[in-house]
Amino acid sequence: MKKVKIFITLKEGVLDPQGKAVQEALQANGFPDVADTRVGKYIEMTLPDEADVALEVQRMCDKLLANPVMEEYSYTVEEGIHS
């Protein structure tokens, strides 16, 4: 099995009100140096060893997981996972 970790973030220049709220909350709670906070999504899954991960992740993100107009994604793969 392969463990796939997908990171979905807003594209540069897209307003991030959730990130802004987190940043302001952190600053109000004693972390004044926090800046440029962005909030995204993290998705973890396993796929069979024979899966074409690049193709599958691209199809999943384009079809369901990410909004290609506003979001971009990246992923990492760990191979040899036993479940």
Foldseek 3Di string as FASTA:
>chain_A
DKKKKKKKWWDPPDDAVVQVVVQVVVCVVPDVVDDDGTDTDIDIDDDDPPDPVVVVVVCCCPPPVHDVVTMDMDMDMDPDDDD
